[in-house]
C-alpha atoms as a PDB file:
ATOM      1  CA  MET A   1      -4.275 -14.301 -52.390  1.00  0.00           C
ATOM      2  CA  PRO A   2      -3.445 -12.833 -49.069  1.00  0.00           C
ATOM      3  CA  ALA A   3      -0.039 -14.514 -48.875  1.00  0.00           C
ATOM      4  CA  LEU A   4       0.695 -11.951 -51.948  1.00  0.00           C
ATOM      5  CA  TYR A   5      -0.554  -9.200 -49.818  1.00  0.00           C
ATOM      6  CA  LEU A   6       1.325  -9.806 -47.130  1.00  0.00           C
ATOM      7  CA  ALA A   7       4.290 -10.731 -49.058  1.00  0.00           C
ATOM      8  CA  ALA A   8       3.993  -6.881 -50.376  1.00  0.00           C
ATOM      9  CA  THR A   9       3.336  -5.567 -47.531  1.00  0.00           C
ATOM     10  CA  MET A  10       7.106  -7.178 -46.076  1.00  0.00           C
ATOM     11  CA  PHE A  11       8.081  -5.904 -48.908  1.00  0.00           C
ATOM     12  CA  ALA A  12       7.313  -2.331 -48.825  1.00  0.00           C
ATOM     13  CA  LEU A  13       8.027  -2.494 -45.082  1.00  0.00           C
ATOM     14  CA  VAL A  14      12.230  -3.357 -45.864  1.00  0.00           C
ATOM     15  CA  CYS A  15      11.900  -0.900 -48.919  1.00  0.00           C
ATOM     16  CA  LEU A  16      10.847   1.656 -46.000  1.00  0.00           C
ATOM     17  CA  LEU A  17      12.939   1.400 -43.600  1.00  0.00           C
ATOM     18  CA  ALA A  18      16.024   0.983 -46.437  1.00  0.00           C
ATOM     19  CA  LEU A  19      14.999   4.461 -47.528  1.00  0.00           C
ATOM     20  CA  LEU A  20      14.582   5.705 -43.616  1.00  0.00           C
ATOM     21  CA  LEU A  21      18.135   4.600 -42.051  1.00  0.00           C
ATOM     22  CA  ARG A  22      19.833   5.767 -45.195  1.00  0.00           C
ATOM     23  CA  PRO A  23      17.837   9.957 -45.346  1.00  0.00           C
ATOM     24  CA  GLY A  24      19.863  10.681 -48.360  1.00  0.00           C
ATOM     25  CA  ARG A  25      18.633   8.495 -50.429  1.00  0.00           C
ATOM     26  CA  GLY A  26      14.988   8.802 -50.117  1.00  0.00           C
ATOM     27  CA  ARG A  27      12.757  11.324 -51.653  1.00  0.00           C
ATOM     28  CA  ALA A  28      10.038  12.692 -49.344  1.00  0.00           C
ATOM     29  CA  MET A  29       7.570  11.247 -51.725  1.00  0.00           C
ATOM     30  CA  THR A  30       8.742   7.515 -51.815  1.00  0.00           C
ATOM     31  CA  VAL A  31       9.167   7.642 -48.167  1.00  0.00           C
ATOM     32  CA  TRP A  32       5.404   9.077 -48.104  1.00  0.00           C
ATOM     33  CA  LEU A  33       3.311   6.098 -50.525  1.00  0.00           C
ATOM     34  CA  LEU A  34       5.148   3.788 -48.802  1.00  0.00           C
ATOM     35  CA  ALA A  35       4.461   4.613 -45.413  1.00  0.00           C
ATOM     36  CA  ALA A  36       1.207   5.053 -47.215  1.00  0.00           C
ATOM     37  CA  LEU A  37       0.887   2.039 -48.035  1.00  0.00           C
ATOM     38  CA  ILE A  38       1.712  -0.356 -45.316  1.00  0.00           C
ATOM     39  CA  PRO A  39      -1.496   0.317 -43.148  1.00  0.00           C
ATOM     40  CA  LEU A  40      -3.103  -0.200 -46.259  1.00  0.00           C
ATOM     41  CA  LEU A  41      -1.964  -3.291 -47.020  1.00  0.00           C
ATOM     42  CA  THR A  42      -2.486  -4.845 -43.548  1.00  0.00           C
ATOM     43  CA  ALA A  43      -5.455  -4.201 -43.951  1.00  0.00           C
ATOM     44  CA  VAL A  44      -6.358  -5.680 -46.735  1.00  0.00           C
ATOM     45  CA  THR A  45      -4.272  -8.785 -46.503  1.00  0.00           C
ATOM     46  CA  LEU A  46      -6.360  -9.402 -42.787  1.00  0.00           C
ATOM     47  CA  ALA A  47      -9.815  -8.512 -44.651  1.00  0.00           C
ATOM     48  CA  LEU A  48      -9.216 -11.013 -47.152  1.00  0.00           C
ATOM     49  CA  GLY A  49      -7.510 -13.587 -44.630  1.00  0.00           C
ATOM     50  CA  THR A  50     -10.254 -14.045 -41.502  1.00  0.00           C
ATOM     51  CA  GLY A  51     -11.559 -17.315 -43.570  1.00  0.00           C
ATOM     52  CA  ARG A  52     -15.733 -15.698 -44.029  1.00  0.00           C
ATOM     53  CA  ASP A  53     -17.528 -16.773 -46.875  1.00  0.00           C
ATOM     54  CA  PHE A  54     -20.265 -14.620 -47.658  1.00  0.00           C
END
């Protein structure tokens, strides 16, 4: 399951970089959403990938 979140994080990062490299192509809300989504997905990936069973 963490691999799925890691893949989603990398996809969001690539999309954000593509929008930032071509500034005329991205809308402000899309860039903001992707920028906010990356830390959230990273935190979920790390939380699920610790391997602790409760």
